[in-house]
Amino acid sequence: MLTCIIQYDIDPTKRAAFETYGQNWATAIPRCGADLVGYFAPHEGSATRAYGIYHIENLAAYEAYRARLAADPLGRENYLFAQSEKFILKEDRTWLRNVSHPKGGHI
């Protein structure tokens, strides 16, 4: 099991748009095959750092998931929403595996 952590730098004046974006992924991501932990918007401290976190079996499963997400109507709509509203300034993905849990599973 792999965990993908997406770190976003967002426009702090468009936090509500990012929240809508995260809420849309709450439907599309599980429907397309990943185990969504959640989307997290700034609350206190940094006003520009946000995260999306999900689990997926392996990188081959990730590739199939990405294809399904790109074909999903809400997935496409959400990508276009982010591009048109320009609330995401930077996006970085980190892939991790859980070494503290037997067989790399999630708790």
Protein backbone atom coordinates (compact mmCIF):
# COMPACT_ATOMS: atom_id res chain seq x y z
CA MET A 1 0.00 0.00 0.00
CA LEU A 2 1.30 3.45 -0.94
CA THR A 3 0.22 6.82 0.41
CA CYS A 4 0.26 9.85 -1.84
CA ILE A 5 0.53 13.19 -0.12
CA ILE A 6 -0.14 16.15 -2.38
CA GLN A 7 1.18 19.40 -0.96
CA TYR A 8 -0.44 22.48 -2.39
CA ASP A 9 0.59 26.10 -2.20
CA ILE A 10 -2.68 27.97 -2.63
CA ASP A 11 -3.73 31.58 -3.03
CA PRO A 12 -4.89 32.52 0.49
CA THR A 13 -7.57 34.81 -0.94
CA LYS A 14 -9.12 31.80 -2.72
CA ARG A 15 -9.30 29.32 0.16
CA ALA A 16 -13.04 28.80 -0.40
CA ALA A 17 -12.32 27.68 -3.97
CA PHE A 18 -9.78 25.15 -2.68
CA GLU A 19 -12.37 23.85 -0.21
CA THR A 20 -14.84 23.30 -3.06
CA TYR A 21 -12.09 21.53 -5.00
CA GLY A 22 -11.40 19.20 -2.06
CA GLN A 23 -15.09 18.48 -1.56
CA ASN A 24 -15.40 17.51 -5.23
CA TRP A 25 -12.48 15.09 -4.89
CA ALA A 26 -14.25 13.46 -1.93
CA THR A 27 -16.70 12.05 -4.48
CA ALA A 28 -14.48 11.52 -7.54
CA ILE A 29 -11.36 9.97 -5.97
CA PRO A 30 -13.05 7.02 -4.20
CA ARG A 31 -15.29 6.44 -7.22
CA CYS A 32 -12.18 6.11 -9.40
CA GLY A 33 -10.39 3.65 -7.12
CA ALA A 34 -8.24 5.35 -4.49
CA ASP A 35 -8.81 5.35 -0.72
CA LEU A 36 -9.14 9.05 0.11
CA VAL A 37 -7.95 10.12 3.56
CA GLY A 38 -9.00 13.70 2.87
CA TYR A 39 -8.29 17.17 1.61
CA PHE A 40 -7.02 19.61 4.21
CA ALA A 41 -7.24 23.41 3.93
CA PRO A 42 -5.36 25.93 6.07
CA HIS A 43 -6.88 26.67 9.45
CA GLU A 44 -4.20 28.29 11.56
CA GLY A 45 -0.55 28.99 10.91
CA SER A 46 0.26 28.98 7.20
CA ALA A 47 -2.54 30.42 5.13
CA THR A 48 -1.11 29.00 1.92
CA ARG A 49 -0.35 25.32 2.63
CA ALA A 50 -2.97 22.63 1.94
CA TYR A 51 -2.88 18.86 1.46
CA GLY A 52 -4.64 16.01 -0.27
CA ILE A 53 -3.91 12.50 1.04
CA TYR A 54 -4.97 9.13 -0.34
CA HIS A 55 -3.88 5.50 -0.36
CA ILE A 56 -3.52 3.26 -3.39
CA GLU A 57 -2.27 -0.29 -3.76
CA ASN A 58 0.77 0.37 -5.99
CA LEU A 59 2.02 2.53 -8.84
CA ALA A 60 0.36 0.35 -11.49
CA ALA A 61 -2.98 0.82 -9.71
CA TYR A 62 -2.20 4.55 -9.59
CA GLU A 63 -1.80 4.71 -13.37
CA ALA A 64 -5.17 3.00 -13.89
CA TYR A 65 -6.76 5.27 -11.27
CA ARG A 66 -5.40 8.40 -12.99
CA ALA A 67 -6.89 7.27 -16.32
CA ARG A 68 -10.29 6.69 -14.68
CA LEU A 69 -10.07 10.06 -12.91
CA ALA A 70 -9.27 11.86 -16.18
CA ALA A 71 -12.32 10.22 -17.80
CA ASP A 72 -14.63 10.87 -14.85
CA PRO A 73 -17.01 13.84 -15.47
CA LEU A 74 -16.51 15.31 -11.99
CA GLY A 75 -12.76 14.69 -12.21
CA ARG A 76 -12.52 16.58 -15.50
CA GLU A 77 -14.75 19.35 -14.17
CA ASN A 78 -12.61 19.73 -11.04
CA TYR A 79 -9.36 19.94 -13.04
CA LEU A 80 -10.92 22.66 -15.21
CA PHE A 81 -12.23 24.46 -12.13
CA ALA A 82 -8.71 24.61 -10.65
CA GLN A 83 -7.26 25.86 -13.94
CA SER A 84 -9.87 28.56 -14.44
CA GLU A 85 -9.87 29.83 -10.83
CA LYS A 86 -6.06 29.64 -10.44
CA PHE A 87 -6.14 29.01 -6.68
CA ILE A 88 -3.37 26.39 -6.85
CA LEU A 89 0.01 28.09 -7.14
CA LYS A 90 2.15 24.96 -6.77
CA GLU A 91 1.51 21.23 -6.37
CA ASP A 92 3.97 18.52 -5.26
CA ARG A 93 3.33 14.79 -4.83
CA THR A 94 5.22 12.59 -2.39
CA TRP A 95 4.83 8.82 -2.34
CA LEU A 96 5.29 7.08 0.99
CA ARG A 97 4.86 3.59 2.36
CA ASN A 98 3.96 2.90 5.96
CA VAL A 99 6.90 1.13 7.62
CA SER A 100 5.38 1.21 11.11
CA HIS A 101 2.47 -1.07 10.19
CA PRO A 102 2.82 -4.74 9.17
CA LYS A 103 3.17 -5.21 5.42
CA GLY A 104 3.02 -1.44 4.79
CA GLY A 105 -0.73 -1.23 5.28
CA HIS A 106 -2.52 1.76 6.70
CA ILE A 107 -3.98 1.93 10.14
